[in-house]
């Protein structure tokens, strides 16, 4: 029996993987953290894995040999230390995990590697800068929620467990979403320092001082239909990117 989803490593068997030549490996990376009072702790992981799987399926249909690795379910949550069971991986720990995975994947022939991020506290750019000189693979990062501008889809996308994330979860795993009537408003306190407030300066947000319900952004207007439209457009664009990336020769990366 052939493997029905050969783009998913977790669903594949050894004979399939042994004979396959993957061009692009995709690593979904999420988090385990509170998402207001209506979304599950695994929201970021569920979404990044689902986006990666669908985008890879579309790329595979276009002839690109893309493989999605099992998702990493823990992210940087140093600002949520006092919120129960928000599991933190320090950036240095992430860097060590990423280095080991990249070394393994490169040894087995993939020539491009994409970290598909689903958590705002994660940022792999500096890690990839450090790792790129050590490997012949082309290393990339993408935040799935930045692939398509959410403004036309949502009245108030929100920053964390708001309309965007809630709608996508309603589309992907509605049984895990509590009724919106149980959700907090996602009201957030702003920085008192202007540079931090407008964004040209940065400091970590201490989550329990910013929000009372762990959300940032009102989820009240979310619907599964909105989530489906956004998910479809994101995965189509990401699938095109993966297919294009698979076909390009590294030396032809620049025009």
Protein backbone atom coordinates (compact mmCIF):
# COMPACT_ATOMS: atom_id res chain seq x y z
CA UNK A 1 0.00 0.00 0.00
CA UNK A 2 1.36 3.41 -0.94
CA UNK A 3 1.67 6.18 1.59
CA UNK A 4 -1.36 8.46 1.20
CA UNK A 5 0.43 11.49 2.66
CA UNK A 6 4.10 11.17 1.66
CA UNK A 7 4.72 14.84 2.52
CA UNK A 8 4.17 14.09 6.25
CA UNK A 9 7.17 12.42 7.84
CA UNK A 10 5.20 11.40 10.94
CA UNK A 11 2.74 9.42 8.80
CA UNK A 12 5.36 7.81 6.57
CA UNK A 13 7.00 4.41 6.82
CA UNK A 14 10.66 3.63 6.39
CA UNK A 15 10.47 2.07 2.89
CA UNK A 16 8.77 5.23 1.60
CA UNK A 17 11.24 7.59 3.26
CA UNK A 18 14.24 5.44 2.31
CA UNK A 19 13.39 5.70 -1.40
CA UNK A 20 12.23 9.30 -1.44
CA UNK A 21 14.38 12.31 -2.26
CA UNK A 22 13.04 15.35 -0.46
CA UNK A 23 14.11 18.78 -1.68
CA UNK A 24 12.59 20.92 1.10
CA UNK A 25 12.09 20.07 4.78
CA UNK A 26 9.57 22.13 6.77
CA UNK A 27 9.69 22.30 10.56
CA UNK A 28 6.52 23.69 12.18
CA UNK A 29 7.31 25.35 15.50
CA UNK A 30 4.60 26.33 17.96
CA UNK A 31 4.23 26.85 21.69
CA UNK A 32 2.36 25.59 24.74
CA UNK A 33 0.70 28.54 26.45
CA UNK A 34 -2.60 29.98 27.65
CA UNK A 35 -4.79 31.48 24.90
CA UNK A 36 -7.46 33.56 26.62
CA UNK A 37 -10.13 31.38 28.27
CA UNK A 38 -11.54 29.75 25.13
CA UNK A 39 -8.59 28.38 23.10
CA UNK A 40 -6.35 25.41 24.02
CA UNK A 41 -2.76 25.66 25.12
CA UNK A 42 -1.70 23.88 21.91
CA UNK A 43 -3.22 26.53 19.60
CA UNK A 44 0.08 27.70 18.07
CA UNK A 45 1.29 24.15 17.46
CA UNK A 46 -2.00 22.93 15.98
CA UNK A 47 -2.12 25.87 13.60
CA UNK A 48 1.49 25.82 12.42
CA UNK A 49 1.36 22.06 11.84
CA UNK A 50 -1.93 22.25 9.93
CA UNK A 51 -0.71 25.14 7.76
CA UNK A 52 2.54 23.29 7.00
CA UNK A 53 0.71 20.07 6.12
CA UNK A 54 -1.74 21.70 3.73
CA UNK A 55 0.89 23.90 2.08
CA UNK A 56 3.17 20.89 1.58
CA UNK A 57 0.29 18.91 0.10
CA UNK A 58 -0.32 21.67 -2.42
CA UNK A 59 3.40 21.90 -3.23
CA UNK A 60 3.58 18.11 -3.63
CA UNK A 61 0.68 18.27 -6.07
CA UNK A 62 2.72 20.77 -8.09
CA UNK A 63 5.58 18.28 -8.27
CA UNK A 64 7.71 19.58 -5.39
CA UNK A 65 9.15 17.02 -3.00
CA UNK A 66 8.49 18.68 0.34
CA UNK A 67 8.43 16.90 3.70
CA UNK A 68 6.90 18.26 6.91
CA UNK A 69 8.69 17.25 10.09
CA UNK A 70 6.79 16.71 13.35
CA UNK A 71 6.06 20.02 15.05
CA UNK A 72 8.01 21.36 18.01
CA UNK A 73 5.33 22.16 20.65
CA UNK A 74 7.34 24.45 22.96
CA UNK A 75 8.40 28.05 22.35
CA UNK A 76 9.94 31.06 24.04
CA UNK A 77 7.61 31.99 26.92
CA UNK A 78 9.90 33.92 29.24
CA UNK A 79 7.20 36.58 29.66
CA UNK A 80 4.63 34.06 30.90
CA UNK A 81 6.60 32.49 33.74
CA UNK A 82 3.86 33.06 36.31
CA UNK A 83 1.04 31.62 34.15
CA UNK A 84 0.56 27.92 34.99
CA UNK A 85 2.17 25.46 32.59
CA UNK A 86 3.17 27.93 29.91
CA UNK A 87 6.19 25.83 28.91
CA UNK A 88 9.31 27.84 28.13
CA UNK A 89 12.23 27.00 25.87
CA UNK A 90 14.97 29.60 26.05
CA UNK A 91 16.29 30.81 22.67
CA UNK A 92 19.61 29.11 23.39
CA UNK A 93 17.77 25.80 23.86
CA UNK A 94 15.87 26.36 20.63
CA UNK A 95 19.15 27.04 18.86
CA UNK A 96 20.60 23.73 20.07
CA UNK A 97 17.50 21.80 18.99
CA UNK A 98 17.46 23.54 15.62
CA UNK A 99 21.14 22.83 15.01
CA UNK A 100 20.68 19.11 15.67
CA UNK A 101 17.63 18.87 13.39
CA UNK A 102 19.31 20.79 10.56
CA UNK A 103 22.42 18.61 10.77
CA UNK A 104 20.30 15.46 10.56
CA UNK A 105 18.12 16.66 7.69
CA UNK A 106 21.12 17.87 5.68
CA UNK A 107 22.84 14.51 6.09
CA UNK A 108 19.90 12.83 4.38
CA UNK A 109 19.88 14.98 1.29
CA UNK A 110 17.37 17.82 1.67
CA UNK A 111 18.79 21.04 0.20
CA UNK A 112 16.38 23.61 1.69
CA UNK A 113 14.96 23.98 5.18
CA UNK A 114 12.07 26.17 6.36
CA UNK A 115 11.13 26.86 9.98
CA UNK A 116 7.40 27.61 9.88
CA UNK A 117 6.70 29.58 13.03
CA UNK A 118 3.33 29.89 14.75
CA UNK A 119 4.24 31.71 17.97
CA UNK A 120 4.96 35.42 18.37
CA UNK A 121 7.65 34.83 20.99
CA UNK A 122 9.76 32.75 18.60
CA UNK A 123 12.26 34.33 16.22
CA UNK A 124 14.78 32.11 14.46
CA UNK A 125 16.51 34.65 12.23
CA UNK A 126 19.66 35.08 14.31
CA UNK A 127 19.90 31.33 14.87
CA UNK A 128 19.67 30.72 11.13
CA UNK A 129 22.31 33.39 10.51
CA UNK A 130 24.66 31.50 12.80
CA UNK A 131 23.80 28.07 11.41
CA UNK A 132 23.87 28.97 7.69
CA UNK A 133 27.69 28.96 7.34
CA UNK A 134 27.78 25.46 8.82
CA UNK A 135 25.53 23.80 6.24
CA UNK A 136 25.05 23.66 2.49
CA UNK A 137 21.25 23.72 2.97
CA UNK A 138 19.43 26.98 2.34
CA UNK A 139 17.85 27.99 5.66
CA UNK A 140 14.62 30.03 5.80
CA UNK A 141 12.07 31.24 8.32
CA UNK A 142 8.42 32.13 7.77
CA UNK A 143 5.69 33.16 10.21
CA UNK A 144 2.52 31.58 8.83
CA UNK A 145 0.32 34.45 10.11
CA UNK A 146 2.39 36.95 8.07
CA UNK A 147 2.03 35.12 4.75
CA UNK A 148 -1.22 36.95 3.93
CA UNK A 149 -2.33 40.33 5.29
CA UNK A 150 -5.17 39.54 7.72
CA UNK A 151 -6.80 42.98 7.54
CA UNK A 152 -9.30 42.14 4.74
CA UNK A 153 -10.45 39.01 6.57
CA UNK A 154 -10.92 40.19 10.15
CA UNK A 155 -12.34 43.31 11.80
CA UNK A 156 -9.73 43.07 14.56
CA UNK A 157 -7.17 40.30 13.96
CA UNK A 158 -5.66 40.63 17.43
CA UNK A 159 -2.22 39.76 18.70
CA UNK A 160 -2.89 36.65 20.78
CA UNK A 161 -6.08 34.53 20.89
CA UNK A 162 -7.96 37.29 19.10
CA UNK A 163 -10.24 37.08 16.09
CA UNK A 164 -7.62 35.66 13.70
CA UNK A 165 -6.39 32.80 15.88
CA UNK A 166 -9.88 32.01 17.14
CA UNK A 167 -11.34 31.86 13.63
CA UNK A 168 -8.57 29.60 12.35
CA UNK A 169 -8.98 27.29 15.35
CA UNK A 170 -12.74 27.19 14.81
CA UNK A 171 -12.00 26.01 11.27
CA UNK A 172 -9.29 23.49 12.20
CA UNK A 173 -10.42 22.09 15.55
CA UNK A 174 -13.78 23.50 16.58
CA UNK A 175 -14.23 20.82 19.24
CA UNK A 176 -11.28 22.34 21.14
CA UNK A 177 -12.72 25.87 21.12
CA UNK A 178 -14.96 26.86 24.01
CA UNK A 179 -18.02 29.05 23.28
CA UNK A 180 -17.11 32.64 22.52
CA UNK A 181 -19.46 33.69 25.31
CA UNK A 182 -16.89 32.25 27.72
CA UNK A 183 -13.98 34.19 26.23
CA UNK A 184 -12.43 37.29 27.75
CA UNK A 185 -12.35 40.50 25.77
CA UNK A 186 -8.60 40.36 25.22
CA UNK A 187 -8.20 43.92 26.44
CA UNK A 188 -4.52 44.84 26.78
CA UNK A 189 -2.64 47.54 28.64
CA UNK A 190 -0.26 49.64 26.53
CA UNK A 191 3.32 50.54 27.29
CA UNK A 192 3.62 53.87 29.12
CA UNK A 193 6.85 54.73 27.22
CA UNK A 194 6.11 56.08 23.75
CA UNK A 195 8.99 54.43 21.91
CA UNK A 196 7.90 51.04 23.21
CA UNK A 197 4.26 51.79 22.52
CA UNK A 198 4.74 52.73 18.86
CA UNK A 199 7.22 49.95 18.26
CA UNK A 200 10.60 51.41 17.34
CA UNK A 201 11.92 50.34 20.75
CA UNK A 202 11.35 46.90 22.19
CA UNK A 203 11.21 45.13 25.51
CA UNK A 204 9.59 41.88 26.49
CA UNK A 205 5.97 42.10 27.63
CA UNK A 206 5.22 40.67 31.06
CA UNK A 207 2.03 38.93 30.10
CA UNK A 208 0.09 38.96 33.37
CA UNK A 209 0.69 42.72 33.65
CA UNK A 210 -0.54 43.31 30.09
CA UNK A 211 -3.75 41.25 30.07
CA UNK A 212 -6.16 39.82 32.64
CA UNK A 213 -7.41 36.90 30.52
CA UNK A 214 -4.08 36.08 28.71
CA UNK A 215 -5.57 37.27 25.41
CA UNK A 216 -4.62 40.33 23.36
CA UNK A 217 -7.37 41.10 20.88
CA UNK A 218 -11.13 40.57 21.01
CA UNK A 219 -12.23 37.20 19.57
CA UNK A 220 -15.97 38.04 19.56
CA UNK A 221 -16.33 38.41 15.77
CA UNK A 222 -14.52 35.16 14.89
CA UNK A 223 -16.25 32.54 12.75
CA UNK A 224 -15.14 29.25 11.26
CA UNK A 225 -15.96 30.63 7.80
CA UNK A 226 -13.54 33.53 8.24
CA UNK A 227 -10.92 31.10 9.48
CA UNK A 228 -11.42 28.81 6.49
CA UNK A 229 -11.00 31.65 3.99
CA UNK A 230 -7.84 32.89 5.64
CA UNK A 231 -6.38 29.39 6.06
CA UNK A 232 -7.05 28.60 2.41
CA UNK A 233 -5.36 31.75 1.13
CA UNK A 234 -2.39 31.38 3.48
CA UNK A 235 -1.76 27.76 2.55
CA UNK A 236 -2.13 28.41 -1.17
CA UNK A 237 0.47 31.17 -1.05
CA UNK A 238 2.78 29.18 1.20
CA UNK A 239 2.38 26.13 -1.05
CA UNK A 240 3.45 28.24 -4.02
CA UNK A 241 6.49 29.41 -2.05
CA UNK A 242 7.49 25.85 -1.16
CA UNK A 243 7.07 24.68 -4.74
CA UNK A 244 9.15 27.58 -6.05
CA UNK A 245 11.79 27.02 -3.38
CA UNK A 246 12.00 23.33 -4.25
CA UNK A 247 12.68 24.07 -7.92
CA UNK A 248 15.26 26.82 -7.54
CA UNK A 249 18.94 26.04 -7.57
CA UNK A 250 20.73 27.74 -4.66
CA UNK A 251 23.12 29.51 -7.03
CA UNK A 252 20.10 30.97 -8.89
CA UNK A 253 18.54 32.47 -5.77
CA UNK A 254 19.24 36.05 -6.88
CA UNK A 255 18.10 37.72 -10.11
